[in-house]
Amino acid sequence: MSLMKNLSDKELERGIKDFLEAAPKTYLPGVSIDTVIFSFHNNKLKVLLLRLGDMPYFSLPGGFIKKEENLDDAALRTLQERTGLENIYLEQFYTSGNAIRFNENIVHEKLKTLVNLPDNNWLQQRFISVCYYALVDETKVNPQPGPFTSEFQWVDIKKVPTLLYDHNLIIQKALNRLAADLDQKLVGFNLMNETFTMGELQKLYEAVYQKKLVRTNFQRKMLSLNVLERLEKQYNGKAHKAPYLYRFMEAKCKC
């Protein structure tokens, strides 16, 4: 799914000017938020990316922290603004603080071509980014473009292009953390339908781990955790091959 809007240079310029006028009074300096928004749809793990104006590059959704706002509240607010969702699973996993973050000058050079920006303006300061990952149902997301954003796009985790800043690194770290949390916190609950087959659950784990798993070993492991409730079979006209449906027992998940 892709959401696009026509964003003229004048609209982008107006949005940048309005933001730069309000930002010093509204947001904490030097700290930003980046969010890796994961979904699992049609047996594919995907991440939501956005594009600034007509630039040929995508980046992660993000935002800034209001001066009187708690950090986690800011992360949840920016996520809700981007997705239109509430009650989202959100996990802080990394802080990006490299002195020089990859190819950020591309953004600044683009902005300078649109607006007569002074050197060392608010957007050009060094930002330490607090990174979160979120788990959502792609079919329920209603992406909301911001003043700089011309496109939102769900991208297969295996096909993520070169992104602005160090966002490729952030996605890889988010994927590593998600893989660990699948086992430790059983967060896959937030990416599956209410009911699913063991095969569908295995597809999720394979997408996150990025490798094939042995069916019998996977099934034995998941059943041993005692967090799945087995339901009726999913009949498809071939009774002897009908798989059982399962669902997570929420009280036993750290989700």
C-alpha atoms as a PDB file:
ATOM      1  CA  MET A   1       0.000   0.000   0.000  1.00  0.00           C
ATOM      2  CA  SER A   2       1.262   3.441  -0.899  1.00  0.00           C
ATOM      3  CA  LEU A   3      -0.207   6.839  -0.081  1.00  0.00           C
ATOM      4  CA  MET A   4       0.899   9.780  -2.180  1.00  0.00           C
ATOM      5  CA  LYS A   5      -0.032  13.448  -2.336  1.00  0.00           C
ATOM      6  CA  ASN A   6       1.073  16.222  -4.611  1.00  0.00           C
ATOM      7  CA  LEU A   7       3.394  18.431  -2.594  1.00  0.00           C
ATOM      8  CA  SER A   8       4.619  21.429  -4.557  1.00  0.00           C
ATOM      9  CA  ASP A   9       7.889  23.181  -3.796  1.00  0.00           C
ATOM     10  CA  LYS A  10       5.889  26.156  -2.526  1.00  0.00           C
ATOM     11  CA  GLU A  11       3.908  23.953  -0.134  1.00  0.00           C
ATOM     12  CA  LEU A  12       7.097  22.338   1.103  1.00  0.00           C
ATOM     13  CA  GLU A  13       8.737  25.748   1.516  1.00  0.00           C
ATOM     14  CA  ARG A  14       5.739  27.040   3.481  1.00  0.00           C
ATOM     15  CA  GLY A  15       5.752  23.959   5.693  1.00  0.00           C
ATOM     16  CA  ILE A  16       9.468  24.314   6.420  1.00  0.00           C
ATOM     17  CA  LYS A  17       9.192  28.014   7.247  1.00  0.00           C
ATOM     18  CA  ASP A  18       6.229  27.442   9.556  1.00  0.00           C
ATOM     19  CA  PHE A  19       8.036  24.604  11.300  1.00  0.00           C
ATOM     20  CA  LEU A  20      11.293  26.540  11.776  1.00  0.00           C
ATOM     21  CA  GLU A  21       9.378  29.457  13.232  1.00  0.00           C
ATOM     22  CA  ALA A  22       7.571  27.272  15.786  1.00  0.00           C
ATOM     23  CA  ALA A  23      10.215  24.628  16.563  1.00  0.00           C
ATOM     24  CA  PRO A  24      12.541  26.549  18.958  1.00  0.00           C
ATOM     25  CA  LYS A  25       9.562  27.495  21.138  1.00  0.00           C
ATOM     26  CA  THR A  26       7.865  24.110  20.956  1.00  0.00           C
ATOM     27  CA  TYR A  27      10.434  21.295  20.936  1.00  0.00           C
ATOM     28  CA  LEU A  28      13.492  20.233  22.888  1.00  0.00           C
ATOM     29  CA  PRO A  29      16.692  20.995  20.960  1.00  0.00           C
ATOM     30  CA  GLY A  30      19.030  18.248  19.839  1.00  0.00           C
ATOM     31  CA  VAL A  31      16.722  15.277  20.480  1.00  0.00           C
ATOM     32  CA  SER A  32      14.504  13.515  17.946  1.00  0.00           C
ATOM     33  CA  ILE A  33      12.471  10.318  17.660  1.00  0.00           C
ATOM     34  CA  ASP A  34      12.639   7.718  14.893  1.00  0.00           C
ATOM     35  CA  THR A  35      10.130   4.882  14.716  1.00  0.00           C
ATOM     36  CA  VAL A  36      10.411   1.596  12.837  1.00  0.00           C
ATOM     37  CA  ILE A  37       6.775   0.625  12.187  1.00  0.00           C
ATOM     38  CA  PHE A  38       6.480  -3.089  11.404  1.00  0.00           C
ATOM     39  CA  SER A  39       3.538  -4.971   9.952  1.00  0.00           C
ATOM     40  CA  PHE A  40       3.103  -8.586   8.880  1.00  0.00           C
ATOM     41  CA  HIS A  41       0.777  -8.902   5.910  1.00  0.00           C
ATOM     42  CA  ASN A  42       0.445 -11.621   3.252  1.00  0.00           C
ATOM     43  CA  ASN A  43       3.277 -13.534   4.947  1.00  0.00           C
ATOM     44  CA  LYS A  44       5.673 -10.592   4.527  1.00  0.00           C
ATOM     45  CA  LEU A  45       7.298  -8.471   7.199  1.00  0.00           C
ATOM     46  CA  LYS A  46       7.079  -4.825   6.125  1.00  0.00           C
ATOM     47  CA  VAL A  47       8.214  -1.436   7.362  1.00  0.00           C
ATOM     48  CA  LEU A  48       6.524   1.926   6.796  1.00  0.00           C
ATOM     49  CA  LEU A  49       8.695   4.552   5.053  1.00  0.00           C
ATOM     50  CA  LEU A  50       8.071   8.167   4.074  1.00  0.00           C
ATOM     51  CA  ARG A  51       9.430  10.516   1.442  1.00  0.00           C
ATOM     52  CA  LEU A  52      10.276  14.186   1.870  1.00  0.00           C
ATOM     53  CA  GLY A  53       8.837  16.321  -0.930  1.00  0.00           C
ATOM     54  CA  ASP A  54      10.051  15.143  -4.337  1.00  0.00           C
ATOM     55  CA  MET A  55      13.339  13.744  -3.056  1.00  0.00           C
ATOM     56  CA  PRO A  56      14.337  10.320  -4.427  1.00  0.00           C
ATOM     57  CA  TYR A  57      15.018   9.069  -0.888  1.00  0.00           C
ATOM     58  CA  PHE A  58      12.859   7.615   1.853  1.00  0.00           C
ATOM     59  CA  SER A  59      13.283   7.744   5.617  1.00  0.00           C
ATOM     60  CA  LEU A  60      11.655   6.472   8.788  1.00  0.00           C
ATOM     61  CA  PRO A  61       8.695   8.282  10.332  1.00  0.00           C
ATOM     62  CA  GLY A  62       9.798  10.412  13.237  1.00  0.00           C
ATOM     63  CA  GLY A  63       9.251  13.577  15.185  1.00  0.00           C
ATOM     64  CA  PHE A  64      10.358  15.765  18.048  1.00  0.00           C
ATOM     65  CA  ILE A  65       9.668  16.060  21.770  1.00  0.00           C
ATOM     66  CA  LYS A  66       7.622  18.946  23.110  1.00  0.00           C
ATOM     67  CA  LYS A  67       9.273  20.825  25.947  1.00  0.00           C
ATOM     68  CA  GLU A  68       6.747  19.732  28.583  1.00  0.00           C
ATOM     69  CA  GLU A  69       6.268  16.209  27.184  1.00  0.00           C
ATOM     70  CA  ASN A  70       7.493  12.853  28.474  1.00  0.00           C
ATOM     71  CA  LEU A  71       9.677  10.927  26.018  1.00  0.00           C
ATOM     72  CA  ASP A  72       7.404   7.886  25.662  1.00  0.00           C
ATOM     73  CA  ASP A  73       4.366  10.161  25.338  1.00  0.00           C
ATOM     74  CA  ALA A  74       6.090  11.994  22.492  1.00  0.00           C
ATOM     75  CA  ALA A  75       6.879   8.718  20.737  1.00  0.00           C
ATOM     76  CA  LEU A  76       3.277   7.565  21.057  1.00  0.00           C
ATOM     77  CA  ARG A  77       1.942  10.931  19.870  1.00  0.00           C
ATOM     78  CA  THR A  78       4.123  11.005  16.750  1.00  0.00           C
ATOM     79  CA  LEU A  79       3.176   7.397  16.007  1.00  0.00           C
ATOM     80  CA  GLN A  80      -0.529   8.129  16.354  1.00  0.00           C
ATOM     81  CA  GLU A  81      -0.142  11.192  14.138  1.00  0.00           C
ATOM     82  CA  ARG A  82       1.454   9.065  11.419  1.00  0.00           C
ATOM     83  CA  THR A  83      -0.806   5.995  11.583  1.00  0.00           C
ATOM     84  CA  GLY A  84      -4.152   7.174  12.946  1.00  0.00           C
ATOM     85  CA  LEU A  85      -4.040   4.267  15.425  1.00  0.00           C
ATOM     86  CA  GLU A  86      -4.273   4.040  19.198  1.00  0.00           C
ATOM     87  CA  ASN A  87      -3.289   1.248  21.612  1.00  0.00           C
ATOM     88  CA  ILE A  88      -0.134   0.449  19.638  1.00  0.00           C
ATOM     89  CA  TYR A  89       2.637  -1.846  20.858  1.00  0.00           C
ATOM     90  CA  LEU A  90       5.693   0.405  21.142  1.00  0.00           C
ATOM     91  CA  GLU A  91       9.179  -0.526  22.362  1.00  0.00           C
ATOM     92  CA  GLN A  92      12.261   1.671  22.805  1.00  0.00           C
ATOM     93  CA  PHE A  93      15.320  -0.223  21.557  1.00  0.00           C
ATOM     94  CA  TYR A  94      18.209   2.066  20.593  1.00  0.00           C
ATOM     95  CA  THR A  95      19.701   5.556  20.779  1.00  0.00           C
ATOM     96  CA  SER A  96      21.548   6.863  17.726  1.00  0.00           C
ATOM     97  CA  GLY A  97      24.168   9.377  18.753  1.00  0.00           C
ATOM     98  CA  ASN A  98      26.906   9.280  16.117  1.00  0.00           C
ATOM     99  CA  ALA A  99      28.534  12.674  15.623  1.00  0.00           C
ATOM    100  CA  ILE A 100      28.051  12.410  11.849  1.00  0.00           C
ATOM    101  CA  ARG A 101      24.896  10.606  10.797  1.00  0.00           C
ATOM    102  CA  PHE A 102      25.013   9.159   7.282  1.00  0.00           C
ATOM    103  CA  ASN A 103      24.094  11.427   4.306  1.00  0.00           C
ATOM    104  CA  GLU A 104      22.017  13.889   6.326  1.00  0.00           C
ATOM    105  CA  ASN A 105      23.528  16.709   4.253  1.00  0.00           C
ATOM    106  CA  ILE A 106      21.280  15.590   1.366  1.00  0.00           C
ATOM    107  CA  VAL A 107      18.239  16.828   3.273  1.00  0.00           C
ATOM    108  CA  HIS A 108      19.822  20.131   4.242  1.00  0.00           C
ATOM    109  CA  GLU A 109      21.012  20.867   0.716  1.00  0.00           C
ATOM    110  CA  LYS A 110      17.501  20.200  -0.583  1.00  0.00           C
ATOM    111  CA  LEU A 111      15.992  22.530   1.995  1.00  0.00           C
ATOM    112  CA  LYS A 112      18.465  25.275   1.109  1.00  0.00           C
ATOM    113  CA  THR A 113      17.346  25.154  -2.528  1.00  0.00           C
ATOM    114  CA  LEU A 114      13.770  25.873  -1.433  1.00  0.00           C
ATOM    115  CA  VAL A 115      14.188  28.277   1.432  1.00  0.00           C
ATOM    116  CA  ASN A 116      16.777  30.917   2.239  1.00  0.00           C
ATOM    117  CA  LEU A 117      17.886  29.105   5.381  1.00  0.00           C
ATOM    118  CA  PRO A 118      20.655  30.516   7.541  1.00  0.00           C
ATOM    119  CA  ASP A 119      23.553  28.247   8.431  1.00  0.00           C
ATOM    120  CA  ASN A 120      23.127  26.372  11.698  1.00  0.00           C
ATOM    121  CA  ASN A 121      19.341  26.723  11.632  1.00  0.00           C
ATOM    122  CA  TRP A 122      17.254  24.627  14.043  1.00  0.00           C
ATOM    123  CA  LEU A 123      17.042  21.607  11.697  1.00  0.00           C
ATOM    124  CA  GLN A 124      20.800  21.579  11.103  1.00  0.00           C
ATOM    125  CA  GLN A 125      21.784  21.116  14.718  1.00  0.00           C
ATOM    126  CA  ARG A 126      23.134  17.766  15.812  1.00  0.00           C
ATOM    127  CA  PHE A 127      20.310  15.415  16.848  1.00  0.00           C
ATOM    128  CA  ILE A 128      20.499  12.393  19.105  1.00  0.00           C
ATOM    129  CA  SER A 129      17.675  10.101  18.028  1.00  0.00           C
ATOM    130  CA  VAL A 130      15.763   7.883  20.451  1.00  0.00           C
ATOM    131  CA  CYS A 131      14.524   4.908  18.434  1.00  0.00           C
ATOM    132  CA  TYR A 132      11.372   2.863  18.920  1.00  0.00           C
ATOM    133  CA  TYR A 133       9.766   0.020  17.044  1.00  0.00           C
ATOM    134  CA  ALA A 134       6.002  -0.404  16.720  1.00  0.00           C
ATOM    135  CA  LEU A 135       3.885  -3.409  15.716  1.00  0.00           C
ATOM    136  CA  VAL A 136       0.685  -2.628  13.817  1.00  0.00           C
ATOM    137  CA  ASP A 137      -1.992  -4.124  11.602  1.00  0.00           C
ATOM    138  CA  GLU A 138      -1.226  -2.698   8.157  1.00  0.00           C
ATOM    139  CA  THR A 139      -4.870  -2.944   7.064  1.00  0.00           C
ATOM    140  CA  LYS A 140      -5.924  -0.594   9.872  1.00  0.00           C
ATOM    141  CA  VAL A 141      -3.245   2.047   9.313  1.00  0.00           C
ATOM    142  CA  ASN A 142      -4.376   5.317   7.788  1.00  0.00           C
ATOM    143  CA  PRO A 143      -1.090   7.139   7.064  1.00  0.00           C
ATOM    144  CA  GLN A 144      -1.281  10.861   7.731  1.00  0.00           C
ATOM    145  CA  PRO A 145       1.127  12.997   5.681  1.00  0.00           C
ATOM    146  CA  GLY A 146       2.964  15.730   7.541  1.00  0.00           C
ATOM    147  CA  PRO A 147       3.907  19.161   6.160  1.00  0.00           C
ATOM    148  CA  PHE A 148       7.103  17.776   4.581  1.00  0.00           C
ATOM    149  CA  THR A 149       5.792  14.377   3.480  1.00  0.00           C
ATOM    150  CA  SER A 150       4.645  13.498  -0.038  1.00  0.00           C
ATOM    151  CA  GLU A 151       4.440   9.699   0.216  1.00  0.00           C
ATOM    152  CA  PHE A 152       4.069   6.829   2.665  1.00  0.00           C
ATOM    153  CA  GLN A 153       4.892   3.323   1.500  1.00  0.00           C
ATOM    154  CA  TRP A 154       4.919  -0.161   3.046  1.00  0.00           C
ATOM    155  CA  VAL A 155       8.139  -1.899   1.968  1.00  0.00           C
ATOM    156  CA  ASP A 156       9.116  -5.553   2.296  1.00  0.00           C
ATOM    157  CA  ILE A 157      11.893  -5.802   4.881  1.00  0.00           C
ATOM    158  CA  LYS A 158      14.003  -7.598   2.265  1.00  0.00           C
ATOM    159  CA  LYS A 159      13.628  -4.717  -0.220  1.00  0.00           C
ATOM    160  CA  VAL A 160      14.332  -1.637   1.888  1.00  0.00           C
ATOM    161  CA  PRO A 161      16.224   0.897  -0.288  1.00  0.00           C
ATOM    162  CA  THR A 162      19.064   3.152   0.808  1.00  0.00           C
ATOM    163  CA  LEU A 163      17.507   5.579   3.274  1.00  0.00           C
ATOM    164  CA  LEU A 164      18.416   9.018   4.570  1.00  0.00           C
ATOM    165  CA  TYR A 165      20.523   9.505   7.681  1.00  0.00           C
ATOM    166  CA  ASP A 166      21.447   6.222   9.399  1.00  0.00           C
ATOM    167  CA  HIS A 167      17.952   4.794   9.053  1.00  0.00           C
ATOM    168  CA  ASN A 168      19.087   1.548   7.388  1.00  0.00           C
ATOM    169  CA  LEU A 169      21.185   0.835  10.472  1.00  0.00           C
ATOM    170  CA  ILE A 170      18.267   1.685  12.747  1.00  0.00           C
ATOM    171  CA  ILE A 171      15.999  -0.735  10.884  1.00  0.00           C
ATOM    172  CA  GLN A 172      18.557  -3.522  11.201  1.00  0.00           C
ATOM    173  CA  LYS A 173      18.867  -2.911  14.931  1.00  0.00           C
ATOM    174  CA  ALA A 174      15.069  -2.879  15.239  1.00  0.00           C
ATOM    175  CA  LEU A 175      14.875  -6.189  13.389  1.00  0.00           C
ATOM    176  CA  ASN A 176      17.493  -7.710  15.700  1.00  0.00           C
ATOM    177  CA  ARG A 177      15.549  -6.513  18.748  1.00  0.00           C
ATOM    178  CA  LEU A 178      12.266  -7.797  17.323  1.00  0.00           C
ATOM    179  CA  ALA A 179      13.821 -11.230  16.767  1.00  0.00           C
ATOM    180  CA  ALA A 180      14.921 -11.327  20.422  1.00  0.00           C
ATOM    181  CA  ASP A 181      11.529 -10.102  21.641  1.00  0.00           C
ATOM    182  CA  LEU A 182       9.692 -12.785  19.671  1.00  0.00           C
ATOM    183  CA  ASP A 183      11.224 -15.306  22.061  1.00  0.00           C
ATOM    184  CA  GLN A 184      11.573 -13.295  25.248  1.00  0.00           C
ATOM    185  CA  LYS A 185       8.316 -11.314  25.184  1.00  0.00           C
ATOM    186  CA  LEU A 186       6.279 -13.221  22.569  1.00  0.00           C
ATOM    187  CA  VAL A 187       5.464  -9.934  20.830  1.00  0.00           C
ATOM    188  CA  GLY A 188       4.350 -11.811  17.694  1.00  0.00           C
ATOM    189  CA  PHE A 189       0.923 -11.603  19.296  1.00  0.00           C
ATOM    190  CA  ASN A 190       0.759  -8.018  18.004  1.00  0.00           C
ATOM    191  CA  LEU A 191       1.444  -8.951  14.372  1.00  0.00           C
ATOM    192  CA  MET A 192      -0.875 -11.945  13.924  1.00  0.00           C
ATOM    193  CA  ASN A 193      -4.596 -12.140  13.338  1.00  0.00           C
ATOM    194  CA  GLU A 194      -6.638 -13.225  16.336  1.00  0.00           C
ATOM    195  CA  THR A 195      -6.583 -16.808  15.041  1.00  0.00           C
ATOM    196  CA  PHE A 196      -3.934 -18.397  12.832  1.00  0.00           C
ATOM    197  CA  THR A 197      -2.451 -21.715  11.799  1.00  0.00           C
ATOM    198  CA  MET A 198       0.897 -22.966  13.015  1.00  0.00           C
ATOM    199  CA  GLY A 199       2.167 -22.556   9.462  1.00  0.00           C
ATOM    200  CA  GLU A 200       1.173 -18.880   9.429  1.00  0.00           C
ATOM    201  CA  LEU A 201       2.911 -18.303  12.752  1.00  0.00           C
ATOM    202  CA  GLN A 202       6.033 -19.997  11.408  1.00  0.00           C
ATOM    203  CA  LYS A 203       5.977 -17.637   8.412  1.00  0.00           C
ATOM    204  CA  LEU A 204       6.152 -14.687  10.819  1.00  0.00           C
ATOM    205  CA  TYR A 205       9.138 -16.120  12.669  1.00  0.00           C
ATOM    206  CA  GLU A 206      10.892 -16.914   9.393  1.00  0.00           C
ATOM    207  CA  ALA A 207      10.281 -13.367   8.124  1.00  0.00           C
ATOM    208  CA  VAL A 208      11.765 -11.855  11.276  1.00  0.00           C
ATOM    209  CA  TYR A 209      14.648 -14.309  11.597  1.00  0.00           C
ATOM    210  CA  GLN A 210      15.185 -14.130   7.812  1.00  0.00           C
ATOM    211  CA  LYS A 211      15.773 -17.856   7.544  1.00  0.00           C
ATOM    212  CA  LYS A 212      13.819 -21.079   7.078  1.00  0.00           C
ATOM    213  CA  LEU A 213      12.826 -23.086  10.150  1.00  0.00           C
ATOM    214  CA  VAL A 214      12.183 -26.811  10.497  1.00  0.00           C
ATOM    215  CA  ARG A 215       8.413 -27.269  10.863  1.00  0.00           C
ATOM    216  CA  THR A 216       8.465 -30.024  13.475  1.00  0.00           C
ATOM    217  CA  ASN A 217      11.043 -28.245  15.623  1.00  0.00           C
ATOM    218  CA  PHE A 218       9.163 -24.954  15.422  1.00  0.00           C
ATOM    219  CA  GLN A 219       5.846 -26.527  16.353  1.00  0.00           C
ATOM    220  CA  ARG A 220       7.375 -28.403  19.279  1.00  0.00           C
ATOM    221  CA  LYS A 221       9.002 -25.222  20.563  1.00  0.00           C
ATOM    222  CA  MET A 222       5.846 -23.092  20.327  1.00  0.00           C
ATOM    223  CA  LEU A 223       3.638 -25.705  21.993  1.00  0.00           C
ATOM    224  CA  SER A 224       6.159 -26.135  24.808  1.00  0.00           C
ATOM    225  CA  LEU A 225       5.776 -22.455  25.718  1.00  0.00           C
ATOM    226  CA  ASN A 226       2.165 -23.085  26.757  1.00  0.00           C
ATOM    227  CA  VAL A 227       0.967 -19.747  25.363  1.00  0.00           C
ATOM    228  CA  LEU A 228      -1.142 -21.027  22.453  1.00  0.00           C
ATOM    229  CA  GLU A 229      -4.731 -22.173  22.667  1.00  0.00           C
ATOM    230  CA  ARG A 230      -5.670 -24.763  20.046  1.00  0.00           C
ATOM    231  CA  LEU A 231      -9.064 -24.245  18.407  1.00  0.00           C
ATOM    232  CA  GLU A 232     -11.016 -26.098  15.714  1.00  0.00           C
ATOM    233  CA  LYS A 233      -9.450 -27.197  12.461  1.00  0.00           C
ATOM    234  CA  GLN A 234      -9.430 -24.916   9.441  1.00  0.00           C
ATOM    235  CA  TYR A 235     -11.266 -26.984   6.879  1.00  0.00           C
ATOM    236  CA  ASN A 236     -10.484 -26.485   3.225  1.00  0.00           C
ATOM    237  CA  GLY A 237     -12.165 -29.491   1.602  1.00  0.00           C
ATOM    238  CA  LYS A 238      -9.300 -31.842   2.428  1.00  0.00           C
ATOM    239  CA  ALA A 239     -10.107 -33.029   5.927  1.00  0.00           C
ATOM    240  CA  HIS A 240      -6.992 -35.095   6.398  1.00  0.00           C
ATOM    241  CA  LYS A 241      -4.843 -32.012   5.714  1.00  0.00           C
ATOM    242  CA  ALA A 242      -6.884 -29.485   7.659  1.00  0.00           C
ATOM    243  CA  PRO A 243      -4.600 -27.546  10.053  1.00  0.00           C
ATOM    244  CA  TYR A 244      -5.632 -26.532  13.546  1.00  0.00           C
ATOM    245  CA  LEU A 245      -6.263 -22.894  14.322  1.00  0.00           C
ATOM    246  CA  TYR A 246      -4.531 -21.307  17.303  1.00  0.00           C
ATOM    247  CA  ARG A 247      -4.630 -18.080  19.245  1.00  0.00           C
ATOM    248  CA  PHE A 248      -2.376 -16.560  21.869  1.00  0.00           C
ATOM    249  CA  MET A 249      -3.499 -16.739  25.492  1.00  0.00           C
ATOM    250  CA  GLU A 250      -3.020 -13.066  26.351  1.00  0.00           C
ATOM    251  CA  ALA A 251      -2.687 -13.640  30.076  1.00  0.00           C
ATOM    252  CA  LYS A 252       0.465 -15.688  29.425  1.00  0.00           C
ATOM    253  CA  CYS A 253       2.080 -13.300  26.955  1.00  0.00           C
ATOM    254  CA  LYS A 254       4.253 -10.332  27.899  1.00  0.00           C
ATOM    255  CA  CYS A 255       2.622  -8.395  25.118  1.00  0.00           C
END
